[in-house]
Amino acid sequence: MNAVPQIDFSVPTRDLVRLLKVPPDTVASLPESVLWRVFMELRRRGEPQAAVYFINGLRTLHRRRTLGNAELSITDNDPDEHRLTEDPYLAELWKSYKRCLCANRTGPAAQILREVEQQVQAA
């Protein structure tokens, strides 16, 4: 089993924002997991645009998955990362979204992504 995606959270906020703007695609785990972890860290730091960058990054990755023009991992190495948020509804949405991605079900994942977007913007 591969390790959980490692992110250096000691880097400046602008470097983390860059990760959200240009989502990674060469990780052994779900690249969406990297975005989630970075988003949680940026929220903790109080970055006002974190939600916008997070949703845009997710949309980019989702579009790439839907078009099938990139080999993106479908391995979920951290099934408990949804617990990084204190919002129980957002946590369940994230868990469901990842489950759909791992099953290669991009249609239902798109519906959940819209709900994630609404929940993130409401917070």
Protein backbone atom coordinates (compact mmCIF):
# COMPACT_ATOMS: atom_id res chain seq x y z
CA MET A 1 0.00 0.00 0.00
CA ASN A 2 1.29 3.46 -0.89
CA ALA A 3 1.74 6.14 1.72
CA VAL A 4 -0.55 9.08 2.28
CA PRO A 5 0.41 12.03 0.05
CA GLN A 6 3.07 14.05 1.82
CA ILE A 7 2.88 17.81 1.62
CA ASP A 8 5.38 20.19 3.13
CA PHE A 9 3.18 22.56 5.10
CA SER A 10 6.15 24.64 6.19
CA VAL A 11 6.20 26.34 2.77
CA PRO A 12 4.74 29.82 2.32
CA THR A 13 1.02 30.21 1.61
CA ARG A 14 1.69 31.28 -1.99
CA ASP A 15 3.32 27.90 -2.71
CA LEU A 16 0.31 26.07 -1.34
CA VAL A 17 -2.00 28.28 -3.40
CA ARG A 18 0.08 27.35 -6.46
CA LEU A 19 -0.64 23.67 -5.74
CA LEU A 20 -4.37 24.42 -5.86
CA LYS A 21 -4.07 26.45 -9.06
CA VAL A 22 -2.02 23.77 -10.83
CA PRO A 23 -3.28 20.45 -9.51
CA PRO A 24 -0.72 17.66 -9.38
CA ASP A 25 -1.23 14.61 -11.55
CA THR A 26 1.89 12.58 -10.87
CA VAL A 27 1.17 11.40 -7.36
CA ALA A 28 0.62 7.76 -6.41
CA SER A 29 -2.62 8.62 -4.65
CA LEU A 30 -5.65 10.63 -5.68
CA PRO A 31 -4.47 14.09 -6.75
CA GLU A 32 -7.73 15.35 -5.27
CA SER A 33 -6.43 14.25 -1.88
CA VAL A 34 -3.50 16.62 -2.26
CA LEU A 35 -5.92 19.45 -3.03
CA TRP A 36 -8.06 18.57 0.00
CA ARG A 37 -5.09 18.60 2.37
CA VAL A 38 -3.79 21.89 0.96
CA PHE A 39 -7.28 23.40 1.16
CA MET A 40 -7.60 22.38 4.81
CA GLU A 41 -4.22 23.94 5.58
CA LEU A 42 -5.04 27.18 3.74
CA ARG A 43 -8.36 27.41 5.60
CA ARG A 44 -6.49 26.94 8.85
CA ARG A 45 -4.15 29.79 7.83
CA GLY A 46 -7.13 32.01 7.00
CA GLU A 47 -6.46 32.31 3.25
CA PRO A 48 -9.56 34.14 1.92
CA GLN A 49 -9.38 32.63 -1.60
CA ALA A 50 -8.74 29.03 -0.50
CA ALA A 51 -12.27 27.85 -1.34
CA VAL A 52 -12.20 29.37 -4.83
CA TYR A 53 -8.81 27.88 -5.65
CA PHE A 54 -9.83 24.50 -4.22
CA ILE A 55 -13.03 24.26 -6.27
CA ASN A 56 -11.27 25.41 -9.44
CA GLY A 57 -8.55 22.81 -8.92
CA LEU A 58 -11.13 20.07 -8.34
CA ARG A 59 -13.02 21.09 -11.47
CA THR A 60 -9.82 20.94 -13.50
CA LEU A 61 -9.00 17.45 -12.26
CA HIS A 62 -12.58 16.29 -12.73
CA ARG A 63 -12.65 17.60 -16.29
CA ARG A 64 -9.42 15.73 -17.03
CA ARG A 65 -10.87 12.54 -15.55
CA THR A 66 -14.06 12.91 -17.58
CA LEU A 67 -12.19 13.48 -20.83
CA GLY A 68 -9.79 10.66 -20.06
CA ASN A 69 -6.84 12.63 -21.41
CA ALA A 70 -4.64 12.00 -18.38
CA GLU A 71 -3.68 8.98 -16.36
CA LEU A 72 -4.81 10.09 -12.92
CA SER A 73 -4.57 7.73 -9.99
CA ILE A 74 -7.74 6.16 -8.60
CA THR A 75 -6.00 4.81 -5.51
CA ASP A 76 -7.26 6.25 -2.23
CA ASN A 77 -4.41 5.94 0.25
CA ASP A 78 -6.13 7.89 3.01
CA PRO A 79 -9.77 6.89 3.40
CA ASP A 80 -10.00 8.88 6.65
CA GLU A 81 -8.85 12.27 5.37
CA HIS A 82 -12.44 13.52 5.33
CA ARG A 83 -12.00 13.89 9.09
CA LEU A 84 -9.70 16.86 8.57
CA THR A 85 -12.74 19.13 8.46
CA GLU A 86 -14.99 19.95 11.38
CA ASP A 87 -18.03 20.15 9.08
CA PRO A 88 -19.65 16.68 9.20
CA TYR A 89 -21.67 17.23 6.01
CA LEU A 90 -18.63 18.35 4.04
CA ALA A 91 -16.73 15.36 5.41
CA GLU A 92 -19.39 12.95 4.15
CA LEU A 93 -19.54 14.68 0.78
CA TRP A 94 -15.77 14.41 0.42
CA LYS A 95 -15.81 10.74 1.36
CA SER A 96 -18.55 10.07 -1.21
CA TYR A 97 -16.76 12.07 -3.89
CA LYS A 98 -13.57 10.07 -3.44
CA ARG A 99 -15.51 6.80 -3.46
CA CYS A 100 -17.01 7.74 -6.84
CA LEU A 101 -13.61 8.67 -8.25
CA CYS A 102 -12.08 5.39 -7.11
CA ALA A 103 -14.93 3.51 -8.81
CA ASN A 104 -14.38 5.61 -11.96
CA ARG A 105 -17.92 7.00 -11.74
CA THR A 106 -17.40 10.56 -12.92
CA GLY A 107 -21.11 11.28 -13.49
CA PRO A 108 -22.20 10.83 -9.89
CA ALA A 109 -18.93 12.43 -8.76
CA ALA A 110 -19.86 15.57 -10.73
CA GLN A 111 -23.12 15.83 -8.81
CA ILE A 112 -21.31 15.45 -5.50
CA LEU A 113 -18.72 18.01 -6.62
CA ARG A 114 -21.51 20.57 -7.04
CA GLU A 115 -22.66 19.86 -3.49
CA VAL A 116 -19.08 20.13 -2.21
CA GLU A 117 -18.82 23.50 -3.91
CA GLN A 118 -22.00 24.75 -2.27
CA GLN A 119 -20.92 23.51 1.15
CA VAL A 120 -17.42 25.00 0.86
CA GLN A 121 -18.80 28.36 -0.21
CA ALA A 122 -21.34 28.35 2.63
CA ALA A 123 -18.61 27.88 5.24
